[in-house]
């Protein structure tokens, strides 16, 4: 009997709702998939460790937990510089999508949902092609 290996695949919801980014500030991530949430209301990135069957940060090896934190810090620092938010929300919730993923959302006091959570506040406003390119270039 041959063994089967499970490969990483992005949850369908995250695949549908994010725009893949190859790098941020010229840095590629070695552990995580990085995607821009397709919602113009907020600068919002999604990070997903590219390992199969993860639900919680504690499901990662200790080494990968540290790598994840380093990558979160890298992305968060860049978001802070580029968008100058009043508050940077970093969270791994998983209530709607069980696959381990981390939200990094730049919040400002004049955003459409402040001070409430971003979820369910207003309908998603997808990027136009031009706005998507502008957002991607800003993050590079």
N, C-alpha and C. Protein backbone atom coordinates (compact mmCIF):
# COMPACT_ATOMS: atom_id res chain seq x y z
N UNK A 1 0.85 -1.18 0.00
CA UNK A 1 0.00 0.00 0.00
C UNK A 1 0.89 1.24 0.00
N UNK A 2 0.63 2.14 -0.90
CA UNK A 2 1.43 3.36 -0.96
C UNK A 2 0.80 4.41 -0.07
N UNK A 3 1.67 5.20 0.58
CA UNK A 3 1.19 6.28 1.43
C UNK A 3 0.74 7.46 0.59
N UNK A 4 -0.19 8.20 1.12
CA UNK A 4 -0.63 9.40 0.43
C UNK A 4 -0.17 10.61 1.23
N UNK A 5 0.24 11.61 0.52
CA UNK A 5 0.62 12.85 1.19
C UNK A 5 -0.42 13.90 0.87
N UNK A 6 -0.78 14.62 1.87
CA UNK A 6 -1.73 15.70 1.70
C UNK A 6 -0.96 16.95 1.32
N UNK A 7 -1.43 17.62 0.30
CA UNK A 7 -0.78 18.84 -0.15
C UNK A 7 -1.60 20.04 0.31
N UNK A 8 -0.91 21.14 0.44
CA UNK A 8 -1.58 22.39 0.78
C UNK A 8 -2.48 22.83 -0.35
N UNK A 9 -3.65 23.28 0.01
CA UNK A 9 -4.52 23.97 -0.95
C UNK A 9 -5.24 25.06 -0.17
N UNK A 10 -5.42 26.17 -0.82
CA UNK A 10 -6.08 27.32 -0.22
C UNK A 10 -7.58 27.06 -0.13
N UNK A 11 -8.17 27.39 1.01
CA UNK A 11 -9.61 27.23 1.17
C UNK A 11 -10.33 27.96 0.04
N UNK A 12 -11.40 27.38 -0.48
CA UNK A 12 -12.11 27.99 -1.62
C UNK A 12 -12.54 29.43 -1.37
N UNK A 13 -12.95 29.73 -0.14
CA UNK A 13 -13.39 31.10 0.18
C UNK A 13 -12.23 32.09 0.07
N UNK A 14 -11.05 31.66 0.54
CA UNK A 14 -9.88 32.54 0.48
C UNK A 14 -9.39 32.67 -0.95
N UNK A 15 -9.48 31.60 -1.70
CA UNK A 15 -9.11 31.64 -3.12
C UNK A 15 -10.03 32.61 -3.86
N UNK A 16 -11.30 32.57 -3.55
CA UNK A 16 -12.29 33.43 -4.20
C UNK A 16 -12.15 34.89 -3.80
N UNK A 17 -11.82 35.14 -2.51
CA UNK A 17 -11.90 36.50 -1.97
C UNK A 17 -10.58 37.27 -1.94
N UNK A 18 -9.47 36.64 -2.33
CA UNK A 18 -8.18 37.32 -2.26
C UNK A 18 -7.51 37.40 -3.63
N UNK A 19 -6.64 38.40 -3.73
CA UNK A 19 -5.81 38.59 -4.91
C UNK A 19 -4.40 38.19 -4.49
N UNK A 20 -3.83 37.14 -5.11
CA UNK A 20 -2.51 36.68 -4.68
C UNK A 20 -1.44 37.75 -4.88
N UNK A 21 -0.55 37.86 -3.89
CA UNK A 21 0.60 38.76 -3.97
C UNK A 21 1.86 37.90 -3.95
N UNK A 22 2.78 38.18 -4.82
CA UNK A 22 4.02 37.41 -4.88
C UNK A 22 5.01 37.85 -3.81
N UNK A 23 4.93 39.13 -3.43
CA UNK A 23 5.86 39.65 -2.43
C UNK A 23 5.26 40.91 -1.81
N UNK A 24 5.90 41.34 -0.74
CA UNK A 24 5.53 42.59 -0.10
C UNK A 24 6.81 43.34 0.21
N UNK A 25 6.86 44.59 -0.21
CA UNK A 25 8.05 45.41 0.01
C UNK A 25 9.31 44.69 -0.50
N UNK A 26 9.16 43.96 -1.61
CA UNK A 26 10.28 43.25 -2.22
C UNK A 26 10.65 41.94 -1.55
N UNK A 27 9.92 41.54 -0.53
CA UNK A 27 10.21 40.30 0.20
C UNK A 27 9.17 39.23 -0.10
N UNK A 28 9.64 38.05 -0.49
CA UNK A 28 8.76 36.90 -0.64
C UNK A 28 8.66 36.20 0.71
N UNK A 29 7.51 35.63 0.99
CA UNK A 29 7.33 34.89 2.23
C UNK A 29 7.63 33.42 1.98
N UNK A 30 8.35 32.80 2.89
CA UNK A 30 8.71 31.39 2.70
C UNK A 30 7.65 30.44 3.25
N UNK A 31 6.88 30.86 4.23
CA UNK A 31 5.88 29.99 4.85
C UNK A 31 4.48 30.26 4.32
N UNK A 32 4.12 31.51 4.18
CA UNK A 32 2.73 31.88 3.95
C UNK A 32 2.39 32.29 2.52
N UNK A 33 1.19 31.90 2.13
CA UNK A 33 0.52 32.52 0.99
C UNK A 33 0.12 33.91 1.46
N UNK A 34 0.24 34.89 0.60
CA UNK A 34 -0.15 36.26 0.94
C UNK A 34 -1.15 36.73 -0.09
N UNK A 35 -2.28 37.21 0.38
CA UNK A 35 -3.31 37.70 -0.53
C UNK A 35 -3.91 39.00 -0.04
N UNK A 36 -4.25 39.84 -0.99
CA UNK A 36 -4.97 41.09 -0.72
C UNK A 36 -6.45 40.78 -0.77
N UNK A 37 -7.15 41.09 0.31
CA UNK A 37 -8.59 40.87 0.32
C UNK A 37 -9.20 41.79 -0.73
N UNK A 38 -10.05 41.24 -1.58
CA UNK A 38 -10.64 41.99 -2.68
C UNK A 38 -11.79 42.85 -2.16
N UNK A 39 -11.42 43.86 -1.37
CA UNK A 39 -12.40 44.75 -0.75
C UNK A 39 -11.74 46.11 -0.55
N UNK A 40 -12.16 47.07 -1.34
CA UNK A 40 -11.57 48.41 -1.30
C UNK A 40 -11.81 49.17 0.00
N UNK A 41 -12.74 48.73 0.80
CA UNK A 41 -13.06 49.48 2.01
C UNK A 41 -11.89 49.57 2.99
N UNK A 42 -11.00 48.55 2.98
CA UNK A 42 -9.91 48.50 3.96
C UNK A 42 -8.65 47.93 3.32
N UNK A 43 -7.47 48.45 3.66
CA UNK A 43 -6.24 47.74 3.32
C UNK A 43 -6.21 46.47 4.18
N UNK A 44 -6.36 45.31 3.54
CA UNK A 44 -6.62 44.07 4.28
C UNK A 44 -5.88 42.93 3.60
N UNK A 45 -4.93 42.37 4.31
CA UNK A 45 -4.17 41.24 3.78
C UNK A 45 -4.51 39.96 4.53
N UNK A 46 -4.39 38.86 3.84
CA UNK A 46 -4.62 37.53 4.41
C UNK A 46 -3.33 36.73 4.25
N UNK A 47 -2.90 36.10 5.33
CA UNK A 47 -1.72 35.23 5.30
C UNK A 47 -2.16 33.82 5.67
N UNK A 48 -1.70 32.83 4.89
CA UNK A 48 -2.07 31.45 5.15
C UNK A 48 -0.81 30.59 5.10
N UNK A 49 -0.43 29.98 6.23
CA UNK A 49 0.72 29.06 6.17
C UNK A 49 0.44 27.96 5.14
N UNK A 50 1.40 27.74 4.26
CA UNK A 50 1.20 26.80 3.15
C UNK A 50 1.55 25.37 3.55
N UNK A 51 0.85 24.90 4.57
CA UNK A 51 0.97 23.52 5.05
C UNK A 51 -0.44 22.96 5.17
N UNK A 52 -0.61 21.66 4.94
CA UNK A 52 -1.96 21.10 4.94
C UNK A 52 -2.55 20.94 6.34
N UNK A 53 -3.87 20.99 6.38
CA UNK A 53 -4.66 20.61 7.56
C UNK A 53 -4.38 21.44 8.81
N UNK A 54 -4.18 22.72 8.67
CA UNK A 54 -3.96 23.58 9.84
C UNK A 54 -5.23 24.34 10.18
N UNK A 55 -5.55 24.35 11.46
CA UNK A 55 -6.68 25.14 11.95
C UNK A 55 -6.23 26.20 12.95
N UNK A 56 -5.21 25.88 13.72
CA UNK A 56 -4.76 26.76 14.80
C UNK A 56 -3.26 27.01 14.68
N UNK A 57 -2.80 28.12 15.20
CA UNK A 57 -1.37 28.42 15.21
C UNK A 57 -0.61 27.32 15.94
N UNK A 58 -1.20 26.76 16.97
CA UNK A 58 -0.53 25.70 17.73
C UNK A 58 -0.41 24.39 16.94
N UNK A 59 -1.08 24.29 15.78
CA UNK A 59 -0.92 23.11 14.91
C UNK A 59 0.42 23.15 14.16
N UNK A 60 1.05 24.32 14.13
CA UNK A 60 2.36 24.47 13.48
C UNK A 60 3.46 23.96 14.41
N UNK A 61 4.56 23.53 13.82
CA UNK A 61 5.72 23.19 14.65
C UNK A 61 6.21 24.47 15.32
N UNK A 62 6.97 24.32 16.38
CA UNK A 62 7.49 25.49 17.09
C UNK A 62 8.29 26.38 16.14
N UNK A 63 9.09 25.76 15.30
CA UNK A 63 9.90 26.50 14.33
C UNK A 63 9.00 27.29 13.36
N UNK A 64 7.93 26.64 12.86
CA UNK A 64 7.02 27.32 11.95
C UNK A 64 6.18 28.38 12.66
N UNK A 65 5.90 28.20 13.95
CA UNK A 65 5.22 29.25 14.70
C UNK A 65 6.08 30.52 14.73
N UNK A 66 7.37 30.34 14.94
CA UNK A 66 8.27 31.50 14.97
C UNK A 66 8.38 32.13 13.58
N UNK A 67 8.45 31.29 12.56
CA UNK A 67 8.51 31.80 11.19
C UNK A 67 7.24 32.58 10.86
N UNK A 68 6.10 32.06 11.29
CA UNK A 68 4.83 32.75 11.07
C UNK A 68 4.85 34.12 11.73
N UNK A 69 5.30 34.18 12.98
CA UNK A 69 5.34 35.47 13.68
C UNK A 69 6.29 36.45 12.97
N UNK A 70 7.41 35.95 12.48
CA UNK A 70 8.34 36.81 11.73
C UNK A 70 7.67 37.35 10.47
N UNK A 71 6.93 36.50 9.76
CA UNK A 71 6.27 36.94 8.54
C UNK A 71 5.12 37.90 8.84
N UNK A 72 4.39 37.66 9.92
CA UNK A 72 3.34 38.60 10.34
C UNK A 72 3.95 39.96 10.65
N UNK A 73 5.08 39.96 11.35
CA UNK A 73 5.75 41.22 11.69
C UNK A 73 6.22 41.94 10.43
N UNK A 74 6.77 41.21 9.47
CA UNK A 74 7.24 41.80 8.21
C UNK A 74 6.08 42.48 7.48
N UNK A 75 4.98 41.76 7.33
CA UNK A 75 3.82 42.30 6.63
C UNK A 75 3.21 43.46 7.42
N UNK A 76 3.07 43.30 8.72
CA UNK A 76 2.48 44.35 9.56
C UNK A 76 3.30 45.63 9.52
N UNK A 77 4.61 45.50 9.59
CA UNK A 77 5.47 46.69 9.53
C UNK A 77 5.29 47.43 8.21
N UNK A 78 5.20 46.68 7.13
CA UNK A 78 5.04 47.33 5.82
C UNK A 78 3.67 48.01 5.73
N UNK A 79 2.64 47.34 6.19
CA UNK A 79 1.30 47.93 6.17
C UNK A 79 1.28 49.23 7.00
N UNK A 80 1.96 49.21 8.13
CA UNK A 80 2.04 50.38 9.00
C UNK A 80 2.69 51.55 8.26
N UNK A 81 3.78 51.28 7.55
CA UNK A 81 4.50 52.33 6.82
C UNK A 81 3.67 52.86 5.64
N UNK A 82 3.07 51.95 4.88
CA UNK A 82 2.36 52.34 3.66
C UNK A 82 1.04 53.04 3.96
N UNK A 83 0.29 52.58 4.95
CA UNK A 83 -1.06 53.09 5.17
C UNK A 83 -1.22 53.96 6.42
N UNK A 84 -0.25 54.00 7.31
CA UNK A 84 -0.31 54.81 8.54
C UNK A 84 -1.66 54.67 9.26
N UNK A 85 -2.05 53.45 9.59
CA UNK A 85 -3.35 53.27 10.24
C UNK A 85 -3.35 53.78 11.68
N UNK A 86 -4.54 54.07 12.18
CA UNK A 86 -4.70 54.40 13.60
C UNK A 86 -4.55 53.14 14.43
N UNK A 87 -4.94 52.00 13.86
CA UNK A 87 -4.86 50.71 14.54
C UNK A 87 -4.64 49.62 13.50
N UNK A 88 -3.75 48.72 13.82
CA UNK A 88 -3.50 47.57 12.96
C UNK A 88 -4.15 46.36 13.61
N UNK A 89 -5.16 45.79 12.96
CA UNK A 89 -5.83 44.60 13.49
C UNK A 89 -5.15 43.37 12.92
N UNK A 90 -4.66 42.50 13.79
CA UNK A 90 -4.03 41.24 13.39
C UNK A 90 -4.76 40.14 14.13
N UNK A 91 -5.36 39.21 13.37
CA UNK A 91 -6.17 38.19 14.03
C UNK A 91 -6.24 36.91 13.23
N UNK A 92 -6.35 35.80 13.95
CA UNK A 92 -6.60 34.49 13.36
C UNK A 92 -7.91 34.00 13.98
N UNK A 93 -9.01 34.23 13.28
CA UNK A 93 -10.32 33.91 13.85
C UNK A 93 -10.81 32.52 13.46
N UNK A 94 -11.08 32.30 12.19
CA UNK A 94 -11.48 30.98 11.73
C UNK A 94 -12.91 30.59 12.00
N UNK A 95 -13.77 31.51 12.34
CA UNK A 95 -15.17 31.17 12.58
C UNK A 95 -15.89 30.78 11.29
N UNK A 96 -15.56 31.46 10.20
CA UNK A 96 -16.23 31.21 8.92
C UNK A 96 -15.41 30.29 8.00
N UNK A 97 -14.10 30.40 8.07
CA UNK A 97 -13.19 29.57 7.27
C UNK A 97 -12.26 28.89 8.26
N UNK A 98 -12.34 27.58 8.36
CA UNK A 98 -11.58 26.85 9.37
C UNK A 98 -10.08 26.83 9.11
N UNK A 99 -9.66 26.91 7.85
CA UNK A 99 -8.23 26.88 7.54
C UNK A 99 -7.52 28.02 8.25
N UNK A 100 -6.39 27.71 8.89
CA UNK A 100 -5.61 28.73 9.57
C UNK A 100 -5.26 29.85 8.60
N UNK A 101 -5.69 31.05 8.94
CA UNK A 101 -5.35 32.23 8.15
C UNK A 101 -5.33 33.43 9.10
N UNK A 102 -4.49 34.38 8.76
CA UNK A 102 -4.31 35.55 9.60
C UNK A 102 -4.75 36.77 8.81
N UNK A 103 -5.59 37.59 9.44
CA UNK A 103 -6.04 38.85 8.86
C UNK A 103 -5.12 39.95 9.36
N UNK A 104 -4.67 40.80 8.46
CA UNK A 104 -3.94 42.01 8.85
C UNK A 104 -4.69 43.15 8.17
N UNK A 105 -5.33 43.97 9.00
CA UNK A 105 -6.22 45.01 8.48
C UNK A 105 -5.79 46.36 9.04
N UNK A 106 -5.53 47.30 8.14
CA UNK A 106 -5.18 48.66 8.53
C UNK A 106 -6.48 49.43 8.75
N UNK A 107 -6.70 49.84 9.99
CA UNK A 107 -7.93 50.55 10.35
C UNK A 107 -7.64 52.02 10.62
N UNK A 108 -8.54 52.87 10.19
CA UNK A 108 -8.43 54.30 10.50
C UNK A 108 -9.76 54.77 11.09
N UNK A 109 -9.69 55.84 11.85
CA UNK A 109 -10.90 56.34 12.50
C UNK A 109 -11.95 56.82 11.50
N UNK A 110 -11.54 57.05 10.25
CA UNK A 110 -12.53 57.48 9.26
C UNK A 110 -12.90 56.37 8.27
N UNK A 111 -12.53 55.11 8.58
CA UNK A 111 -12.97 54.04 7.67
C UNK A 111 -14.45 53.76 7.89
N UNK A 112 -15.05 53.04 6.96
CA UNK A 112 -16.51 52.88 6.95
C UNK A 112 -17.07 52.09 8.14
N UNK A 113 -16.25 51.34 8.83
CA UNK A 113 -16.74 50.51 9.93
C UNK A 113 -16.26 50.97 11.31
N UNK A 114 -15.34 51.91 11.38
CA UNK A 114 -14.73 52.30 12.66
C UNK A 114 -15.80 52.67 13.67
N UNK A 115 -15.72 52.27 14.90
CA UNK A 115 -14.73 51.41 15.54
C UNK A 115 -15.14 49.93 15.55
N UNK A 116 -16.17 49.61 14.82
CA UNK A 116 -16.71 48.25 14.82
C UNK A 116 -15.87 47.30 13.96
N UNK A 117 -16.12 46.00 14.07
CA UNK A 117 -15.41 45.03 13.22
C UNK A 117 -15.73 45.29 11.75
N UNK A 118 -14.83 44.86 10.87
CA UNK A 118 -15.02 45.07 9.43
C UNK A 118 -16.06 44.13 8.83
N UNK A 119 -16.31 43.01 9.49
CA UNK A 119 -17.21 42.00 8.94
C UNK A 119 -18.66 42.44 9.06
N UNK A 120 -19.40 42.30 7.97
CA UNK A 120 -20.83 42.54 7.98
C UNK A 120 -21.24 43.99 8.05
N UNK A 121 -20.28 44.90 7.95
CA UNK A 121 -20.62 46.32 8.07
C UNK A 121 -21.25 46.86 6.79
N UNK A 122 -20.60 46.60 5.69
CA UNK A 122 -21.07 47.08 4.39
C UNK A 122 -20.76 46.01 3.35
N UNK A 123 -21.51 46.00 2.27
CA UNK A 123 -21.20 45.02 1.22
C UNK A 123 -19.76 45.21 0.72
N UNK A 124 -19.14 44.10 0.37
CA UNK A 124 -17.78 44.14 -0.17
C UNK A 124 -17.77 45.00 -1.43
N UNK A 125 -16.70 45.77 -1.57
CA UNK A 125 -16.52 46.60 -2.78
C UNK A 125 -15.25 46.11 -3.47
N UNK A 126 -15.39 45.19 -4.45
CA UNK A 126 -14.21 44.64 -5.12
C UNK A 126 -13.43 45.73 -5.86
N UNK A 127 -12.13 45.49 -6.01
CA UNK A 127 -11.27 46.40 -6.75
C UNK A 127 -11.58 46.32 -8.24
N UNK A 128 -11.55 47.47 -8.92
CA UNK A 128 -11.55 47.46 -10.39
C UNK A 128 -10.14 47.01 -10.79
N UNK A 129 -9.95 46.69 -12.06
CA UNK A 129 -8.62 46.26 -12.52
C UNK A 129 -7.58 47.34 -12.25
N UNK A 130 -7.92 48.59 -12.52
CA UNK A 130 -6.98 49.70 -12.31
C UNK A 130 -6.65 49.87 -10.82
N UNK A 131 -7.68 49.83 -9.98
CA UNK A 131 -7.45 49.97 -8.54
C UNK A 131 -6.68 48.79 -7.98
N UNK A 132 -6.92 47.59 -8.51
CA UNK A 132 -6.20 46.41 -8.06
C UNK A 132 -4.70 46.56 -8.37
N UNK A 133 -4.37 46.99 -9.56
CA UNK A 133 -2.97 47.20 -9.93
C UNK A 133 -2.33 48.27 -9.05
N UNK A 134 -3.06 49.33 -8.78
CA UNK A 134 -2.55 50.40 -7.92
C UNK A 134 -2.28 49.87 -6.50
N UNK A 135 -3.20 49.08 -5.97
CA UNK A 135 -3.03 48.52 -4.61
C UNK A 135 -1.85 47.57 -4.57
N UNK A 136 -1.72 46.71 -5.58
CA UNK A 136 -0.61 45.75 -5.62
C UNK A 136 0.71 46.49 -5.70
N UNK A 137 0.79 47.49 -6.56
CA UNK A 137 2.03 48.25 -6.68
C UNK A 137 2.38 48.99 -5.40
N UNK A 138 1.38 49.47 -4.71
CA UNK A 138 1.61 50.16 -3.43
C UNK A 138 2.21 49.21 -2.39
N UNK A 139 1.79 47.96 -2.42
CA UNK A 139 2.28 46.98 -1.46
C UNK A 139 3.65 46.42 -1.83
N UNK A 140 4.01 46.50 -3.10
CA UNK A 140 5.32 45.99 -3.52
C UNK A 140 6.42 46.83 -2.93
